[in-house]
Protein backbone atom coordinates (compact mmCIF):
# COMPACT_ATOMS: atom_id res chain seq x y z
CA UNK A 1 24.28 -14.05 11.76
CA UNK A 2 23.38 -10.67 13.30
CA UNK A 3 23.70 -9.11 9.85
CA UNK A 4 21.31 -11.73 8.45
CA UNK A 5 18.80 -10.95 11.20
CA UNK A 6 19.13 -7.22 10.48
CA UNK A 7 18.41 -7.84 6.77
CA UNK A 8 15.46 -10.01 7.80
CA UNK A 9 14.07 -7.22 9.98
CA UNK A 10 14.56 -4.65 7.20
CA UNK A 11 12.70 -6.88 4.72
CA UNK A 12 9.84 -7.40 7.17
CA UNK A 13 9.57 -3.65 7.81
CA UNK A 14 9.51 -3.02 4.05
CA UNK A 15 6.59 -5.44 3.67
CA UNK A 16 4.66 -3.48 6.30
CA UNK A 17 5.54 -0.13 4.67
CA UNK A 18 4.42 -1.46 1.27
CA UNK A 19 1.15 -2.63 2.82
CA UNK A 20 0.51 0.80 4.31
CA UNK A 21 1.23 2.45 0.96
CA UNK A 22 -1.14 0.06 -0.82
CA UNK A 23 -3.87 0.79 1.73
CA UNK A 24 -3.46 4.51 1.08
CA UNK A 25 -4.12 3.98 -2.61
CA UNK A 26 -7.38 2.14 -1.84
CA UNK A 27 -10.42 4.24 -1.28
CA UNK A 28 -11.87 4.67 2.17
CA UNK A 29 -14.61 7.07 3.18
CA UNK A 30 -12.22 9.98 2.73
CA UNK A 31 -10.24 10.67 -0.43
CA UNK A 32 -6.46 10.71 -0.44
CA UNK A 33 -4.02 12.16 -2.94
CA UNK A 34 -2.56 8.64 -3.26
CA UNK A 35 -5.77 7.52 -5.01
CA UNK A 36 -4.96 9.53 -8.14
CA UNK A 37 -1.30 10.50 -8.11
CA UNK A 38 0.00 7.28 -9.65
CA UNK A 39 -2.70 6.86 -12.30
CA UNK A 40 -1.04 6.51 -15.70
CA UNK A 41 -1.98 8.99 -18.41
CA UNK A 42 -1.03 8.85 -22.10
CA UNK A 43 0.56 12.29 -22.58
CA UNK A 44 3.32 13.65 -24.81
CA UNK A 45 3.72 10.26 -26.47
CA UNK A 46 4.44 8.39 -23.24
CA UNK A 47 2.78 7.13 -20.07
CA UNK A 48 3.05 9.61 -17.22
CA UNK A 49 1.66 9.75 -13.69
CA UNK A 50 -1.02 12.32 -12.84
CA UNK A 51 1.36 13.82 -10.27
CA UNK A 52 3.77 14.65 -13.12
CA UNK A 53 1.09 16.53 -15.03
CA UNK A 54 -0.48 18.70 -12.35
CA UNK A 55 -0.97 19.43 -8.67
CA UNK A 56 -3.45 17.46 -6.60
CA UNK A 57 -5.44 18.87 -3.69
CA UNK A 58 -8.24 17.59 -1.50
CA UNK A 59 -11.50 19.45 -0.95
CA UNK A 60 -13.27 17.75 1.94
CA UNK A 61 -15.41 15.81 2.39
CA UNK A 62 -15.15 13.74 -0.84
CA UNK A 63 -13.56 15.79 -3.59
CA UNK A 64 -10.17 15.63 -5.26
CA UNK A 65 -9.05 18.57 -7.40
CA UNK A 66 -6.37 18.14 -10.04
CA UNK A 67 -4.93 21.34 -11.46
CA UNK A 68 -3.30 20.28 -14.73
CA UNK A 69 -0.41 22.47 -15.85
CA UNK A 70 -0.91 22.00 -19.60
CA UNK A 71 -4.38 22.56 -21.09
CA UNK A 72 -3.64 20.07 -23.91
CA UNK A 73 -3.59 17.06 -21.54
CA UNK A 74 -6.63 17.94 -19.39
CA UNK A 75 -8.95 15.58 -21.31
CA UNK A 76 -6.42 12.73 -21.20
CA UNK A 77 -5.99 13.14 -17.43
CA UNK A 78 -9.77 13.33 -16.89
CA UNK A 79 -10.32 10.16 -18.95
CA UNK A 80 -7.56 8.25 -17.13
CA UNK A 81 -8.97 9.25 -13.73
CA UNK A 82 -12.51 8.38 -14.83
CA UNK A 83 -11.39 4.93 -15.98
CA UNK A 84 -9.30 4.23 -12.87
CA UNK A 85 -11.79 5.40 -10.26
CA UNK A 86 -15.00 4.65 -12.16
CA UNK A 87 -16.33 8.19 -11.65
CA UNK A 88 -17.23 11.09 -13.93
CA UNK A 89 -14.90 14.00 -13.19
CA UNK A 90 -15.87 17.52 -14.25
CA UNK A 91 -13.44 19.88 -15.93
CA UNK A 92 -13.28 23.66 -15.66
CA UNK A 93 -10.38 24.95 -17.73
CA UNK A 94 -7.26 23.35 -16.29
CA UNK A 95 -9.06 22.11 -13.17
CA UNK A 96 -10.45 18.60 -12.91
CA UNK A 97 -12.88 17.98 -10.05
CA UNK A 98 -13.37 14.39 -8.96
CA UNK A 99 -16.34 14.10 -6.63
CA UNK A 100 -16.34 10.67 -5.03
CA UNK A 101 -19.82 9.36 -4.22
CA UNK A 102 -20.42 7.82 -0.80
CA UNK A 103 -19.50 4.16 -0.64
CA UNK A 104 -22.39 1.73 -0.83
CA UNK A 105 -22.58 -1.05 1.74
CA UNK A 106 -21.77 -3.57 -1.00
CA UNK A 107 -18.69 -1.60 -2.07
CA UNK A 108 -17.55 -1.26 1.56
CA UNK A 109 -17.79 -5.04 2.01
CA UNK A 110 -15.84 -5.58 -1.22
CA UNK A 111 -13.11 -3.18 -0.11
CA UNK A 112 -12.86 -4.87 3.28
CA UNK A 113 -12.44 -8.25 1.56
CA UNK A 114 -9.77 -6.78 -0.71
CA UNK A 115 -7.73 -5.20 2.07
CA UNK A 116 -8.04 -8.33 4.21
CA UNK A 117 -6.66 -10.35 1.30
CA UNK A 118 -3.79 -7.88 0.82
CA UNK A 119 -2.97 -8.05 4.54
CA UNK A 120 -2.98 -11.86 4.46
CA UNK A 121 -0.61 -11.81 1.46
CA UNK A 122 1.74 -9.62 3.50
CA UNK A 123 1.59 -12.09 6.38
CA UNK A 124 2.37 -14.94 3.98
CA UNK A 125 5.45 -13.06 2.71
CA UNK A 126 6.56 -12.54 6.29
CA UNK A 127 6.17 -16.24 7.11
CA UNK A 128 8.18 -17.08 4.01
CA UNK A 129 10.98 -14.76 5.13
CA UNK A 130 10.84 -16.33 8.60
CA UNK A 131 11.12 -19.83 7.14
CA UNK A 132 14.13 -18.74 5.07
CA UNK A 133 15.91 -17.21 8.07
CA UNK A 134 15.21 -20.35 10.11
CA UNK A 135 16.79 -22.47 7.36
CA UNK A 136 19.87 -20.23 7.38
CA UNK A 137 20.10 -20.55 11.15
CA UNK A 138 19.81 -24.34 10.93
CA UNK A 139 22.52 -24.42 8.23
CA UNK A 140 24.79 -22.30 10.39
CA UNK A 141 24.34 -24.76 13.25
CA UNK A 142 25.03 -27.71 10.93
CA UNK A 143 28.22 -25.95 9.80
CA UNK A 144 29.13 -25.57 13.49
CA UNK A 145 29.43 -21.79 13.08
CA UNK A 146 26.90 -21.24 15.89
CA UNK A 147 26.00 -23.22 18.99
CA UNK A 148 22.61 -24.84 19.53
CA UNK A 149 21.54 -22.37 22.23
CA UNK A 150 22.48 -19.49 19.92
CA UNK A 151 20.33 -21.08 17.24
CA UNK A 152 17.32 -20.97 19.54
CA UNK A 153 18.07 -17.37 20.51
CA UNK A 154 18.21 -16.31 16.85
CA UNK A 155 15.01 -18.19 16.03
CA UNK A 156 13.29 -16.59 19.03
CA UNK A 157 14.42 -13.15 17.92
CA UNK A 158 13.15 -13.78 14.38
CA UNK A 159 9.80 -14.99 15.73
CA UNK A 160 9.52 -11.91 17.95
CA UNK A 161 10.10 -9.66 14.93
CA UNK A 162 7.40 -11.57 13.00
CA UNK A 163 4.91 -11.29 15.87
CA UNK A 164 5.53 -7.55 16.29
CA UNK A 165 5.10 -6.94 12.57
CA UNK A 166 1.94 -9.07 12.42
CA UNK A 167 0.55 -6.96 15.27
CA UNK A 168 1.35 -3.78 13.30
CA UNK A 169 -0.30 -5.25 10.20
CA UNK A 170 -3.41 -6.07 12.23
CA UNK A 171 -3.54 -2.50 13.59
CA UNK A 172 -3.12 -1.08 10.08
CA UNK A 173 -5.87 -3.36 8.79
CA UNK A 174 -8.22 -2.44 11.64
CA UNK A 175 -7.61 1.28 11.02
CA UNK A 176 -8.37 0.92 7.32
CA UNK A 177 -11.51 -1.12 7.99
CA UNK A 178 -12.80 1.50 10.43
CA UNK A 179 -12.02 4.23 7.85
CA UNK A 180 -14.01 2.34 5.21
CA UNK A 181 -16.95 1.83 7.56
CA UNK A 182 -17.21 5.58 8.37
C-alpha cells in the first residue's frame, strides 16, 4: 500500500509540474522563452520546434529574439511565430525580433480566466486520483490485507498530499495572475 501511495504522490506532483510548465507557455507581462520554443514550424519537409531551428533570447522588457541557424527557414519560422502569438515579427537576416505589445485589460482578463480554468482542471485530475486511491484502500480493507485503522491512516495521508498540492497550485495560480496584472 505504501508503494501505491508513493505512485499517487508522484502522479500528483507531475500534475503540478505540468501546470507550472503550461503557465510558462502562457503570456504574462514579461516574455519567456517557453512562449516560442515549442511552436511548430514546417521546415525541411517536417514539423520542427523553433528551438530546433535557432537560439532564443530575451531582450527586456517585451522582446524575444530568435537567431535562426539556416537562412532558408527564417520566413517559415517568422510566419509560424506570427500565427501562434498573433504578432508581426520583424526579420533582419537570420534574426527574428518579436516585440510583444503590452497586454490590454481585456486580454489580461481573458488570460486570467484561461489560467484559472487550467488550474481547476488540474485540481479535478487530483481529485480523480484521490478517489482512485481511496477505492484501492477500500478494496484492500475488504480483502482483509489492511486493518480499518490503517485504512483511515492511508486515506488521511492521501488527503494531506492533495491539500498540500492544492495549496501549491493556488500559489502558482496567484503568482501567474500577479504577473499578468503587472
